[in-house]
Amino acid sequence: SPEGRAARQAGLRQGDHIVAIEGKPVRMTPKQFNLHVKLNYKPGDKLPVTLLRNGKQVEFKWPLK
């Protein structure tokens, strides 16, 4: 999918799970997450997310296109 490709190009890896945006827990479906990002951020922003990667939380700045 285009979203998957963009995520990989941004540095996200297979198996990463986004658990928070700007330190706030994410409790939404992927579709709701995409809509939230579209409504609240613009291309060029760096979205601060917390990932769960291999059992560890990782802070990540996701560059939006």
N, C-alpha and C. Protein backbone atom coordinates (compact mmCIF):
# COMPACT_ATOMS: atom_id res chain seq x y z
N SER A 1 0.84 -1.20 0.00
CA SER A 1 0.00 0.00 0.00
C SER A 1 0.87 1.24 0.00
N PRO A 2 0.37 2.36 -0.53
CA PRO A 2 1.16 3.60 -0.51
C PRO A 2 1.55 4.01 0.90
N GLU A 3 0.63 3.84 1.88
CA GLU A 3 0.95 4.23 3.26
C GLU A 3 2.11 3.38 3.79
N GLY A 4 2.06 2.08 3.49
CA GLY A 4 3.12 1.18 3.93
C GLY A 4 4.46 1.55 3.34
N ARG A 5 4.46 1.89 2.06
CA ARG A 5 5.69 2.29 1.39
C ARG A 5 6.24 3.57 2.01
N ALA A 6 5.38 4.54 2.25
CA ALA A 6 5.81 5.82 2.85
C ALA A 6 6.36 5.58 4.25
N ALA A 7 5.72 4.69 5.01
CA ALA A 7 6.19 4.38 6.37
C ALA A 7 7.58 3.76 6.32
N ARG A 8 7.80 2.83 5.39
CA ARG A 8 9.13 2.20 5.29
C ARG A 8 10.18 3.23 4.89
N GLN A 9 9.84 4.11 3.94
CA GLN A 9 10.80 5.13 3.51
C GLN A 9 11.14 6.08 4.66
N ALA A 10 10.20 6.29 5.57
CA ALA A 10 10.42 7.18 6.71
C ALA A 10 11.29 6.52 7.78
N GLY A 11 11.48 5.20 7.69
CA GLY A 11 12.32 4.52 8.66
C GLY A 11 11.58 3.57 9.57
N LEU A 12 10.26 3.45 9.38
CA LEU A 12 9.51 2.48 10.16
C LEU A 12 9.82 1.09 9.63
N ARG A 13 9.79 0.10 10.52
CA ARG A 13 10.14 -1.26 10.12
C ARG A 13 8.95 -2.19 10.29
N GLN A 14 9.01 -3.31 9.57
CA GLN A 14 8.00 -4.36 9.72
C GLN A 14 7.94 -4.74 11.19
N GLY A 15 6.74 -4.81 11.73
CA GLY A 15 6.59 -5.21 13.12
C GLY A 15 6.55 -4.04 14.10
N ASP A 16 6.89 -2.82 13.63
CA ASP A 16 6.77 -1.65 14.51
C ASP A 16 5.30 -1.38 14.77
N HIS A 17 4.98 -1.00 15.99
CA HIS A 17 3.62 -0.61 16.32
C HIS A 17 3.66 0.78 16.92
N ILE A 18 2.85 1.70 16.38
CA ILE A 18 2.78 3.05 16.94
C ILE A 18 1.90 2.98 18.18
N VAL A 19 2.46 3.34 19.33
CA VAL A 19 1.71 3.26 20.59
C VAL A 19 1.33 4.64 21.13
N ALA A 20 1.98 5.72 20.62
CA ALA A 20 1.64 7.06 21.09
C ALA A 20 2.00 8.09 20.03
N ILE A 21 1.23 9.19 20.02
CA ILE A 21 1.53 10.37 19.20
C ILE A 21 1.70 11.52 20.19
N GLU A 22 2.83 12.23 20.08
CA GLU A 22 3.12 13.35 20.99
C GLU A 22 2.94 12.92 22.45
N GLY A 23 3.34 11.68 22.76
CA GLY A 23 3.27 11.19 24.13
C GLY A 23 1.90 10.74 24.59
N LYS A 24 0.88 10.88 23.73
CA LYS A 24 -0.48 10.46 24.11
C LYS A 24 -0.76 9.08 23.52
N PRO A 25 -1.26 8.14 24.33
CA PRO A 25 -1.53 6.79 23.82
C PRO A 25 -2.47 6.81 22.63
N VAL A 26 -2.18 5.95 21.66
CA VAL A 26 -3.00 5.82 20.46
C VAL A 26 -3.97 4.66 20.67
N ARG A 27 -5.25 4.97 20.61
CA ARG A 27 -6.28 3.92 20.70
C ARG A 27 -7.22 4.09 19.52
N MET A 28 -6.71 3.81 18.33
CA MET A 28 -7.54 3.96 17.14
C MET A 28 -7.10 2.96 16.09
N THR A 29 -8.01 2.72 15.14
CA THR A 29 -7.70 1.83 14.03
C THR A 29 -6.72 2.54 13.09
N PRO A 30 -6.05 1.79 12.22
CA PRO A 30 -5.17 2.44 11.24
C PRO A 30 -5.90 3.51 10.42
N LYS A 31 -7.16 3.24 10.06
CA LYS A 31 -7.93 4.21 9.28
C LYS A 31 -8.14 5.50 10.10
N GLN A 32 -8.51 5.37 11.38
CA GLN A 32 -8.70 6.53 12.26
C GLN A 32 -7.37 7.27 12.45
N PHE A 33 -6.28 6.51 12.59
CA PHE A 33 -4.96 7.11 12.75
C PHE A 33 -4.62 7.98 11.53
N ASN A 34 -4.81 7.41 10.33
CA ASN A 34 -4.52 8.16 9.09
C ASN A 34 -5.35 9.43 9.02
N LEU A 35 -6.63 9.34 9.39
CA LEU A 35 -7.50 10.52 9.37
C LEU A 35 -7.03 11.55 10.39
N HIS A 36 -6.66 11.11 11.59
CA HIS A 36 -6.16 12.01 12.63
C HIS A 36 -4.93 12.78 12.12
N VAL A 37 -4.01 12.05 11.49
CA VAL A 37 -2.79 12.69 10.98
C VAL A 37 -3.15 13.70 9.89
N LYS A 38 -4.03 13.31 8.97
CA LYS A 38 -4.42 14.23 7.88
C LYS A 38 -5.08 15.50 8.41
N LEU A 39 -5.89 15.37 9.47
CA LEU A 39 -6.62 16.52 10.01
C LEU A 39 -5.74 17.42 10.87
N ASN A 40 -4.69 16.87 11.48
CA ASN A 40 -3.93 17.62 12.48
C ASN A 40 -2.50 18.00 12.08
N TYR A 41 -2.03 17.43 10.97
CA TYR A 41 -0.65 17.70 10.55
C TYR A 41 -0.64 17.95 9.06
N LYS A 42 0.46 18.56 8.58
CA LYS A 42 0.56 18.82 7.15
C LYS A 42 1.88 18.24 6.62
N PRO A 43 1.95 18.03 5.30
CA PRO A 43 3.21 17.53 4.74
C PRO A 43 4.37 18.43 5.15
N GLY A 44 5.48 17.82 5.49
CA GLY A 44 6.65 18.58 5.94
C GLY A 44 6.78 18.57 7.46
N ASP A 45 5.66 18.34 8.18
CA ASP A 45 5.72 18.21 9.63
C ASP A 45 6.47 16.92 9.98
N LYS A 46 7.07 16.92 11.17
CA LYS A 46 7.65 15.68 11.70
C LYS A 46 6.75 15.24 12.85
N LEU A 47 6.09 14.12 12.66
CA LEU A 47 5.13 13.60 13.63
C LEU A 47 5.88 12.85 14.73
N PRO A 48 5.83 13.35 15.98
CA PRO A 48 6.52 12.65 17.07
C PRO A 48 5.70 11.46 17.55
N VAL A 49 6.19 10.27 17.28
CA VAL A 49 5.48 9.06 17.67
C VAL A 49 6.37 8.20 18.58
N THR A 50 5.72 7.37 19.35
CA THR A 50 6.43 6.36 20.15
C THR A 50 6.08 5.01 19.53
N LEU A 51 7.13 4.27 19.19
CA LEU A 51 6.95 2.96 18.58
C LEU A 51 7.27 1.87 19.59
N LEU A 52 6.63 0.74 19.40
CA LEU A 52 7.02 -0.47 20.11
C LEU A 52 7.77 -1.30 19.07
N ARG A 53 9.09 -1.45 19.29
CA ARG A 53 9.94 -2.17 18.34
C ARG A 53 10.74 -3.22 19.11
N ASN A 54 10.52 -4.48 18.79
CA ASN A 54 11.23 -5.58 19.47
C ASN A 54 11.07 -5.49 20.98
N GLY A 55 9.86 -5.12 21.44
CA GLY A 55 9.58 -5.08 22.88
C GLY A 55 10.07 -3.83 23.59
N LYS A 56 10.69 -2.90 22.85
CA LYS A 56 11.19 -1.67 23.47
C LYS A 56 10.47 -0.47 22.87
N GLN A 57 10.25 0.57 23.71
CA GLN A 57 9.65 1.80 23.18
C GLN A 57 10.76 2.67 22.58
N VAL A 58 10.49 3.18 21.40
CA VAL A 58 11.45 4.00 20.66
C VAL A 58 10.76 5.30 20.27
N GLU A 59 11.39 6.44 20.57
CA GLU A 59 10.85 7.74 20.13
C GLU A 59 11.29 7.93 18.69
N PHE A 60 10.37 8.42 17.86
CA PHE A 60 10.63 8.53 16.43
C PHE A 60 9.98 9.77 15.87
N LYS A 61 10.69 10.53 15.06
CA LYS A 61 10.11 11.69 14.36
C LYS A 61 9.82 11.25 12.93
N TRP A 62 8.53 11.06 12.62
CA TRP A 62 8.10 10.57 11.32
C TRP A 62 7.91 11.76 10.38
N PRO A 63 8.78 11.93 9.35
CA PRO A 63 8.60 13.04 8.40
C PRO A 63 7.42 12.76 7.48
N LEU A 64 6.45 13.65 7.50
CA LEU A 64 5.23 13.45 6.70
C LEU A 64 5.43 14.01 5.30
N LYS A 65 4.87 13.30 4.33
CA LYS A 65 4.98 13.75 2.92
C LYS A 65 3.61 14.19 2.43
